[in-house]
Amino acid sequence: MGLLDKAKDLANQAKGKAEELAEKAGPSAVKGLDAAKTSLDKATGGKYHDKIESVSGKVEGLLKHGKGPGDTGPGGDGQTPKTS
């Protein structure tokens, strides 16, 4: 096993652990997002309510689906999978 293979193995292990933690933290993040949204809306007197709702909706969707903005392929890295 070469150095590159070891690095890939470690990266995959880290990705697996990160996914587990993200699944556990998702509901808490959504609650925090809701609290921040409410506070920000109150602080701006509702002036930016529609924009706040729009952005928070997008972020909440990402949190619930567990994907980042560049996640398009099975690898979740925004890259098209390579075929051998």
PDB file of N, CA and C in Angstrom:
ATOM      1  N   MET A   1       0.863  -1.181   0.000  1.00  0.00           N
ATOM      2  CA  MET A   1       0.000   0.000   0.000  1.00  0.00           C
ATOM      3  C   MET A   1       0.903   1.236   0.000  1.00  0.00           C
ATOM      4  N   GLY A   2       0.727   2.055  -1.006  1.00  0.00           N
ATOM      5  CA  GLY A   2       1.534   3.252  -1.128  1.00  0.00           C
ATOM      6  C   GLY A   2       1.005   4.385  -0.279  1.00  0.00           C
ATOM      7  N   LEU A   3       1.756   5.435  -0.261  1.00  0.00           N
ATOM      8  CA  LEU A   3       1.395   6.614   0.526  1.00  0.00           C
ATOM      9  C   LEU A   3       0.055   7.188   0.071  1.00  0.00           C
ATOM     10  N   LEU A   4      -0.155   7.232  -1.239  1.00  0.00           N
ATOM     11  CA  LEU A   4      -1.409   7.776  -1.765  1.00  0.00           C
ATOM     12  C   LEU A   4      -2.602   6.915  -1.333  1.00  0.00           C
ATOM     13  N   ASP A   5      -2.430   5.609  -1.343  1.00  0.00           N
ATOM     14  CA  ASP A   5      -3.500   4.709  -0.901  1.00  0.00           C
ATOM     15  C   ASP A   5      -3.814   4.911   0.576  1.00  0.00           C
ATOM     16  N   LYS A   6      -2.788   5.100   1.376  1.00  0.00           N
ATOM     17  CA  LYS A   6      -2.989   5.335   2.809  1.00  0.00           C
ATOM     18  C   LYS A   6      -3.738   6.656   3.034  1.00  0.00           C
ATOM     19  N   ALA A   7      -3.353   7.667   2.263  1.00  0.00           N
ATOM     20  CA  ALA A   7      -4.004   8.974   2.397  1.00  0.00           C
ATOM     21  C   ALA A   7      -5.482   8.877   2.012  1.00  0.00           C
ATOM     22  N   LYS A   8      -5.775   8.139   0.941  1.00  0.00           N
ATOM     23  CA  LYS A   8      -7.166   7.970   0.513  1.00  0.00           C
ATOM     24  C   LYS A   8      -7.968   7.227   1.576  1.00  0.00           C
ATOM     25  N   ASP A   9      -7.355   6.204   2.157  1.00  0.00           N
ATOM     26  CA  ASP A   9      -8.027   5.431   3.202  1.00  0.00           C
ATOM     27  C   ASP A   9      -8.349   6.309   4.414  1.00  0.00           C
ATOM     28  N   LEU A  10      -7.384   7.114   4.832  1.00  0.00           N
ATOM     29  CA  LEU A  10      -7.606   8.017   5.966  1.00  0.00           C
ATOM     30  C   LEU A  10      -8.672   9.059   5.645  1.00  0.00           C
ATOM     31  N   ALA A  11      -8.646   9.553   4.411  1.00  0.00           N
ATOM     32  CA  ALA A  11      -9.642  10.548   4.003  1.00  0.00           C
ATOM     33  C   ALA A  11     -11.046   9.941   4.024  1.00  0.00           C
ATOM     34  N   ASN A  12     -11.167   8.703   3.573  1.00  0.00           N
ATOM     35  CA  ASN A  12     -12.478   8.039   3.589  1.00  0.00           C
ATOM     36  C   ASN A  12     -12.957   7.789   5.011  1.00  0.00           C
ATOM     37  N   GLN A  13     -12.046   7.434   5.904  1.00  0.00           N
ATOM     38  CA  GLN A  13     -12.412   7.240   7.310  1.00  0.00           C
ATOM     39  C   GLN A  13     -12.902   8.553   7.915  1.00  0.00           C
ATOM     40  N   ALA A  14     -12.189   9.636   7.620  1.00  0.00           N
ATOM     41  CA  ALA A  14     -12.566  10.948   8.146  1.00  0.00           C
ATOM     42  C   ALA A  14     -13.923  11.376   7.589  1.00  0.00           C
ATOM     43  N   LYS A  15     -14.154  11.089   6.313  1.00  0.00           N
ATOM     44  CA  LYS A  15     -15.433  11.445   5.699  1.00  0.00           C
ATOM     45  C   LYS A  15     -16.574  10.701   6.382  1.00  0.00           C
ATOM     46  N   GLY A  16     -16.374   9.429   6.661  1.00  0.00           N
ATOM     47  CA  GLY A  16     -17.400   8.642   7.333  1.00  0.00           C
ATOM     48  C   GLY A  16     -17.726   9.188   8.709  1.00  0.00           C
ATOM     49  N   LYS A  17     -16.695   9.547   9.460  1.00  0.00           N
ATOM     50  CA  LYS A  17     -16.922  10.107  10.798  1.00  0.00           C
ATOM     51  C   LYS A  17     -17.611  11.456  10.709  1.00  0.00           C
ATOM     52  N   ALA A  18     -17.218  12.266   9.727  1.00  0.00           N
ATOM     53  CA  ALA A  18     -17.834  13.585   9.561  1.00  0.00           C
ATOM     54  C   ALA A  18     -19.313  13.451   9.218  1.00  0.00           C
ATOM     55  N   GLU A  19     -19.645  12.459   8.373  1.00  0.00           N
ATOM     56  CA  GLU A  19     -21.045  12.256   8.020  1.00  0.00           C
ATOM     57  C   GLU A  19     -21.869  11.856   9.239  1.00  0.00           C
ATOM     58  N   GLU A  20     -21.306  11.000  10.086  1.00  0.00           N
ATOM     59  CA  GLU A  20     -21.999  10.596  11.307  1.00  0.00           C
ATOM     60  C   GLU A  20     -22.264  11.796  12.209  1.00  0.00           C
ATOM     61  N   LEU A  21     -21.245  12.633  12.391  1.00  0.00           N
ATOM     62  CA  LEU A  21     -21.395  13.803  13.248  1.00  0.00           C
ATOM     63  C   LEU A  21     -22.388  14.792  12.654  1.00  0.00           C
ATOM     64  N   ALA A  22     -22.368  14.953  11.345  1.00  0.00           N
ATOM     65  CA  ALA A  22     -23.298  15.874  10.688  1.00  0.00           C
ATOM     66  C   ALA A  22     -24.738  15.415  10.874  1.00  0.00           C
ATOM     67  N   GLU A  23     -24.962  14.095  10.803  1.00  0.00           N
ATOM     68  CA  GLU A  23     -26.310  13.580  11.015  1.00  0.00           C
ATOM     69  C   GLU A  23     -26.798  13.867  12.434  1.00  0.00           C
ATOM     70  N   LYS A  24     -25.914  13.746  13.402  1.00  0.00           N
ATOM     71  CA  LYS A  24     -26.283  14.002  14.794  1.00  0.00           C
ATOM     72  C   LYS A  24     -26.505  15.495  15.048  1.00  0.00           C
ATOM     73  N   ALA A  25     -25.711  16.340  14.406  1.00  0.00           N
ATOM     74  CA  ALA A  25     -25.760  17.776  14.660  1.00  0.00           C
ATOM     75  C   ALA A  25     -26.835  18.488  13.846  1.00  0.00           C
ATOM     76  N   GLY A  26     -27.351  17.850  12.808  1.00  0.00           N
ATOM     77  CA  GLY A  26     -28.328  18.487  11.925  1.00  0.00           C
ATOM     78  C   GLY A  26     -29.516  19.099  12.637  1.00  0.00           C
ATOM     79  N   PRO A  27     -30.219  18.328  13.475  1.00  0.00           N
ATOM     80  CA  PRO A  27     -31.389  18.904  14.158  1.00  0.00           C
ATOM     81  C   PRO A  27     -31.040  20.095  15.052  1.00  0.00           C
ATOM     82  N   SER A  28     -29.903  20.043  15.702  1.00  0.00           N
ATOM     83  CA  SER A  28     -29.485  21.169  16.547  1.00  0.00           C
ATOM     84  C   SER A  28     -29.160  22.383  15.696  1.00  0.00           C
ATOM     85  N   ALA A  29     -28.555  22.139  14.543  1.00  0.00           N
ATOM     86  CA  ALA A  29     -28.217  23.244  13.647  1.00  0.00           C
ATOM     87  C   ALA A  29     -29.482  23.914  13.126  1.00  0.00           C
ATOM     88  N   VAL A  30     -30.502  23.134  12.825  1.00  0.00           N
ATOM     89  CA  VAL A  30     -31.765  23.697  12.350  1.00  0.00           C
ATOM     90  C   VAL A  30     -32.406  24.557  13.441  1.00  0.00           C
ATOM     91  N   LYS A  31     -32.356  24.100  14.681  1.00  0.00           N
ATOM     92  CA  LYS A  31     -32.899  24.885  15.796  1.00  0.00           C
ATOM     93  C   LYS A  31     -32.133  26.195  15.953  1.00  0.00           C
ATOM     94  N   GLY A  32     -30.809  26.112  15.849  1.00  0.00           N
ATOM     95  CA  GLY A  32     -29.980  27.319  15.949  1.00  0.00           C
ATOM     96  C   GLY A  32     -30.257  28.283  14.815  1.00  0.00           C
ATOM     97  N   LEU A  33     -30.457  27.747  13.630  1.00  0.00           N
ATOM     98  CA  LEU A  33     -30.771  28.574  12.473  1.00  0.00           C
ATOM     99  C   LEU A  33     -32.096  29.300  12.683  1.00  0.00           C
ATOM    100  N   ASP A  34     -33.063  28.598  13.218  1.00  0.00           N
ATOM    101  CA  ASP A  34     -34.373  29.204  13.467  1.00  0.00           C
ATOM    102  C   ASP A  34     -34.264  30.326  14.493  1.00  0.00           C
ATOM    103  N   ALA A  35     -33.477  30.092  15.535  1.00  0.00           N
ATOM    104  CA  ALA A  35     -33.293  31.128  16.559  1.00  0.00           C
ATOM    105  C   ALA A  35     -32.581  32.345  15.979  1.00  0.00           C
ATOM    106  N   ALA A  36     -31.570  32.108  15.168  1.00  0.00           N
ATOM    107  CA  ALA A  36     -30.828  33.218  14.555  1.00  0.00           C
ATOM    108  C   ALA A  36     -31.727  33.992  13.598  1.00  0.00           C
ATOM    109  N   LYS A  37     -32.537  33.261  12.840  1.00  0.00           N
ATOM    110  CA  LYS A  37     -33.465  33.891  11.892  1.00  0.00           C
ATOM    111  C   LYS A  37     -34.437  34.810  12.632  1.00  0.00           C
ATOM    112  N   THR A  38     -34.993  34.321  13.724  1.00  0.00           N
ATOM    113  CA  THR A  38     -35.947  35.107  14.507  1.00  0.00           C
ATOM    114  C   THR A  38     -35.288  36.353  15.085  1.00  0.00           C
ATOM    115  N   SER A  39     -34.099  36.182  15.632  1.00  0.00           N
ATOM    116  CA  SER A  39     -33.382  37.321  16.221  1.00  0.00           C
ATOM    117  C   SER A  39     -33.016  38.363  15.171  1.00  0.00           C
ATOM    118  N   LEU A  40     -32.557  37.896  14.026  1.00  0.00           N
ATOM    119  CA  LEU A  40     -32.160  38.816  12.965  1.00  0.00           C
ATOM    120  C   LEU A  40     -33.372  39.562  12.422  1.00  0.00           C
ATOM    121  N   ASP A  41     -34.471  38.866  12.269  1.00  0.00           N
ATOM    122  CA  ASP A  41     -35.690  39.501  11.775  1.00  0.00           C
ATOM    123  C   ASP A  41     -36.174  40.561  12.762  1.00  0.00           C
ATOM    124  N   LYS A  42     -36.089  40.235  14.036  1.00  0.00           N
ATOM    125  CA  LYS A  42     -36.504  41.191  15.075  1.00  0.00           C
ATOM    126  C   LYS A  42     -35.569  42.403  15.105  1.00  0.00           C
ATOM    127  N   ALA A  43     -34.261  42.154  14.982  1.00  0.00           N
ATOM    128  CA  ALA A  43     -33.281  43.245  15.042  1.00  0.00           C
ATOM    129  C   ALA A  43     -33.415  44.204  13.862  1.00  0.00           C
ATOM    130  N   THR A  44     -33.859  43.681  12.710  1.00  0.00           N
ATOM    131  CA  THR A  44     -34.004  44.545  11.530  1.00  0.00           C
ATOM    132  C   THR A  44     -35.422  45.081  11.390  1.00  0.00           C
ATOM    133  N   GLY A  45     -36.258  44.787  12.376  1.00  0.00           N
ATOM    134  CA  GLY A  45     -37.630  45.288  12.351  1.00  0.00           C
ATOM    135  C   GLY A  45     -38.447  44.702  11.208  1.00  0.00           C
ATOM    136  N   GLY A  46     -38.070  43.521  10.731  1.00  0.00           N
ATOM    137  CA  GLY A  46     -38.806  42.870   9.660  1.00  0.00           C
ATOM    138  C   GLY A  46     -38.507  43.412   8.272  1.00  0.00           C
ATOM    139  N   LYS A  47     -37.584  44.365   8.199  1.00  0.00           N
ATOM    140  CA  LYS A  47     -37.267  45.007   6.926  1.00  0.00           C
ATOM    141  C   LYS A  47     -36.757  43.999   5.892  1.00  0.00           C
ATOM    142  N   TYR A  48     -36.007  42.993   6.341  1.00  0.00           N
ATOM    143  CA  TYR A  48     -35.417  42.017   5.427  1.00  0.00           C
ATOM    144  C   TYR A  48     -36.031  40.623   5.609  1.00  0.00           C
ATOM    145  N   HIS A  49     -37.264  40.591   6.064  1.00  0.00           N
ATOM    146  CA  HIS A  49     -37.919  39.328   6.379  1.00  0.00           C
ATOM    147  C   HIS A  49     -37.882  38.332   5.206  1.00  0.00           C
ATOM    148  N   ASP A  50     -38.247  38.792   4.018  1.00  0.00           N
ATOM    149  CA  ASP A  50     -38.299  37.893   2.861  1.00  0.00           C
ATOM    150  C   ASP A  50     -36.923  37.330   2.519  1.00  0.00           C
ATOM    151  N   LYS A  51     -35.901  38.170   2.582  1.00  0.00           N
ATOM    152  CA  LYS A  51     -34.543  37.703   2.281  1.00  0.00           C
ATOM    153  C   LYS A  51     -34.046  36.734   3.346  1.00  0.00           C
ATOM    154  N   ILE A  52     -34.351  37.032   4.594  1.00  0.00           N
ATOM    155  CA  ILE A  52     -33.952  36.145   5.696  1.00  0.00           C
ATOM    156  C   ILE A  52     -34.622  34.787   5.535  1.00  0.00           C
ATOM    157  N   GLU A  53     -35.898  34.779   5.213  1.00  0.00           N
ATOM    158  CA  GLU A  53     -36.633  33.530   5.014  1.00  0.00           C
ATOM    159  C   GLU A  53     -36.066  32.741   3.842  1.00  0.00           C
ATOM    160  N   SER A  54     -35.738  33.433   2.770  1.00  0.00           N
ATOM    161  CA  SER A  54     -35.208  32.776   1.583  1.00  0.00           C
ATOM    162  C   SER A  54     -33.878  32.080   1.873  1.00  0.00           C
ATOM    163  N   VAL A  55     -32.971  32.817   2.488  1.00  0.00           N
ATOM    164  CA  VAL A  55     -31.656  32.260   2.794  1.00  0.00           C
ATOM    165  C   VAL A  55     -31.757  31.148   3.830  1.00  0.00           C
ATOM    166  N   SER A  56     -32.552  31.364   4.859  1.00  0.00           N
ATOM    167  CA  SER A  56     -32.669  30.341   5.897  1.00  0.00           C
ATOM    168  C   SER A  56     -33.309  29.074   5.336  1.00  0.00           C
ATOM    169  N   GLY A  57     -34.229  29.228   4.410  1.00  0.00           N
ATOM    170  CA  GLY A  57     -34.843  28.069   3.777  1.00  0.00           C
ATOM    171  C   GLY A  57     -33.830  27.253   2.988  1.00  0.00           C
ATOM    172  N   LYS A  58     -32.948  27.950   2.278  1.00  0.00           N
ATOM    173  CA  LYS A  58     -31.907  27.262   1.512  1.00  0.00           C
ATOM    174  C   LYS A  58     -30.930  26.540   2.436  1.00  0.00           C
ATOM    175  N   VAL A  59     -30.521  27.215   3.494  1.00  0.00           N
ATOM    176  CA  VAL A  59     -29.577  26.614   4.438  1.00  0.00           C
ATOM    177  C   VAL A  59     -30.230  25.424   5.133  1.00  0.00           C
ATOM    178  N   GLU A  60     -31.466  25.570   5.523  1.00  0.00           N
ATOM    179  CA  GLU A  60     -32.167  24.468   6.189  1.00  0.00           C
ATOM    180  C   GLU A  60     -32.289  23.267   5.254  1.00  0.00           C
ATOM    181  N   GLY A  61     -32.540  23.521   3.985  1.00  0.00           N
ATOM    182  CA  GLY A  61     -32.609  22.442   3.007  1.00  0.00           C
ATOM    183  C   GLY A  61     -31.288  21.702   2.897  1.00  0.00           C
ATOM    184  N   LEU A  62     -30.194  22.450   2.911  1.00  0.00           N
ATOM    185  CA  LEU A  62     -28.873  21.822   2.855  1.00  0.00           C
ATOM    186  C   LEU A  62     -28.609  21.006   4.111  1.00  0.00           C
ATOM    187  N   LEU A  63     -29.018  21.538   5.250  1.00  0.00           N
ATOM    188  CA  LEU A  63     -28.804  20.817   6.501  1.00  0.00           C
ATOM    189  C   LEU A  63     -29.608  19.523   6.546  1.00  0.00           C
ATOM    190  N   LYS A  64     -30.826  19.571   6.075  1.00  0.00           N
ATOM    191  CA  LYS A  64     -31.689  18.392   6.121  1.00  0.00           C
ATOM    192  C   LYS A  64     -31.266  17.334   5.112  1.00  0.00           C
ATOM    193  N   HIS A  65     -30.741  17.765   3.975  1.00  0.00           N
ATOM    194  CA  HIS A  65     -30.322  16.811   2.960  1.00  0.00           C
ATOM    195  C   HIS A  65     -28.876  16.375   3.136  1.00  0.00           C
ATOM    196  N   GLY A  66     -28.132  17.080   3.977  1.00  0.00           N
ATOM    197  CA  GLY A  66     -26.749  16.697   4.246  1.00  0.00           C
ATOM    198  C   GLY A  66     -25.809  16.920   3.092  1.00  0.00           C
ATOM    199  N   LYS A  67     -26.130  17.855   2.245  1.00  0.00           N
ATOM    200  CA  LYS A  67     -25.281  18.125   1.085  1.00  0.00           C
ATOM    201  C   LYS A  67     -24.820  19.566   1.107  1.00  0.00           C
ATOM    202  N   GLY A  68     -23.653  19.771   0.554  1.00  0.00           N
ATOM    203  CA  GLY A  68     -23.128  21.117   0.407  1.00  0.00           C
ATOM    204  C   GLY A  68     -23.470  21.658  -0.958  1.00  0.00           C
ATOM    205  N   PRO A  69     -23.180  22.924  -1.227  1.00  0.00           N
ATOM    206  CA  PRO A  69     -23.529  23.544  -2.499  1.00  0.00           C
ATOM    207  C   PRO A  69     -22.918  22.842  -3.708  1.00  0.00           C
ATOM    208  N   GLY A  70     -21.757  22.231  -3.566  1.00  0.00           N
ATOM    209  CA  GLY A  70     -21.093  21.601  -4.702  1.00  0.00           C
ATOM    210  C   GLY A  70     -21.332  20.118  -4.789  1.00  0.00           C
ATOM    211  N   ASP A  71     -22.167  19.557  -3.937  1.00  0.00           N
ATOM    212  CA  ASP A  71     -22.396  18.117  -3.945  1.00  0.00           C
ATOM    213  C   ASP A  71     -23.328  17.752  -5.087  1.00  0.00           C
ATOM    214  N   THR A  72     -22.776  17.163  -6.132  1.00  0.00           N
ATOM    215  CA  THR A  72     -23.602  16.791  -7.264  1.00  0.00           C
ATOM    216  C   THR A  72     -23.507  15.312  -7.585  1.00  0.00           C
ATOM    217  N   GLY A  73     -22.377  14.733  -7.331  1.00  0.00           N
ATOM    218  CA  GLY A  73     -22.186  13.333  -7.690  1.00  0.00           C
ATOM    219  C   GLY A  73     -22.205  12.432  -6.486  1.00  0.00           C
ATOM    220  N   PRO A  74     -22.082  11.116  -6.748  1.00  0.00           N
ATOM    221  CA  PRO A  74     -22.085  10.147  -5.648  1.00  0.00           C
ATOM    222  C   PRO A  74     -20.977  10.365  -4.637  1.00  0.00           C
ATOM    223  N   GLY A  75     -19.871  10.957  -5.063  1.00  0.00           N
ATOM    224  CA  GLY A  75     -18.768  11.211  -4.157  1.00  0.00           C
ATOM    225  C   GLY A  75     -18.984  12.414  -3.275  1.00  0.00           C
ATOM    226  N   GLY A  76     -19.956  13.256  -3.635  1.00  0.00           N
ATOM    227  CA  GLY A  76     -20.270  14.426  -2.837  1.00  0.00           C
ATOM    228  C   GLY A  76     -19.230  15.512  -2.881  1.00  0.00           C
ATOM    229  N   ASP A  77     -18.322  15.407  -3.885  1.00  0.00           N
ATOM    230  CA  ASP A  77     -17.245  16.387  -3.960  1.00  0.00           C
ATOM    231  C   ASP A  77     -17.427  17.382  -5.083  1.00  0.00           C
ATOM    232  N   GLY A  78     -18.598  17.349  -5.721  1.00  0.00           N
ATOM    233  CA  GLY A  78     -18.851  18.269  -6.811  1.00  0.00           C
ATOM    234  C   GLY A  78     -18.191  17.856  -8.108  1.00  0.00           C
ATOM    235  N   GLN A  79     -17.537  16.719  -8.104  1.00  0.00           N
ATOM    236  CA  GLN A  79     -16.840  16.220  -9.271  1.00  0.00           C
ATOM    237  C   GLN A  79     -17.643  15.112  -9.925  1.00  0.00           C
ATOM    238  N   THR A  80     -17.513  14.976 -11.218  1.00  0.00           N
ATOM    239  CA  THR A  80     -18.118  13.857 -11.913  1.00  0.00           C
ATOM    240  C   THR A  80     -17.277  12.631 -11.627  1.00  0.00           C
ATOM    241  N   PRO A  81     -17.905  11.509 -11.264  1.00  0.00           N
ATOM    242  CA  PRO A  81     -17.117  10.314 -10.959  1.00  0.00           C
ATOM    243  C   PRO A  81     -16.303   9.860 -12.165  1.00  0.00           C
ATOM    244  N   LYS A  82     -15.095   9.421 -11.911  1.00  0.00           N
ATOM    245  CA  LYS A  82     -14.229   8.944 -12.970  1.00  0.00           C
ATOM    246  C   LYS A  82     -14.477   7.465 -13.200  1.00  0.00           C
ATOM    247  N   THR A  83     -14.459   7.073 -14.460  1.00  0.00           N
ATOM    248  CA  THR A  83     -14.605   5.660 -14.767  1.00  0.00           C
ATOM    249  C   THR A  83     -13.280   5.131 -15.265  1.00  0.00           C
ATOM    250  N   SER A  84     -12.987   3.891 -14.909  1.00  0.00           N
ATOM    251  CA  SER A  84     -11.712   3.295 -15.295  1.00  0.00           C
ATOM    252  C   SER A  84     -11.844   2.507 -16.558  1.00  0.00           C
TER     253      SER A  84
END
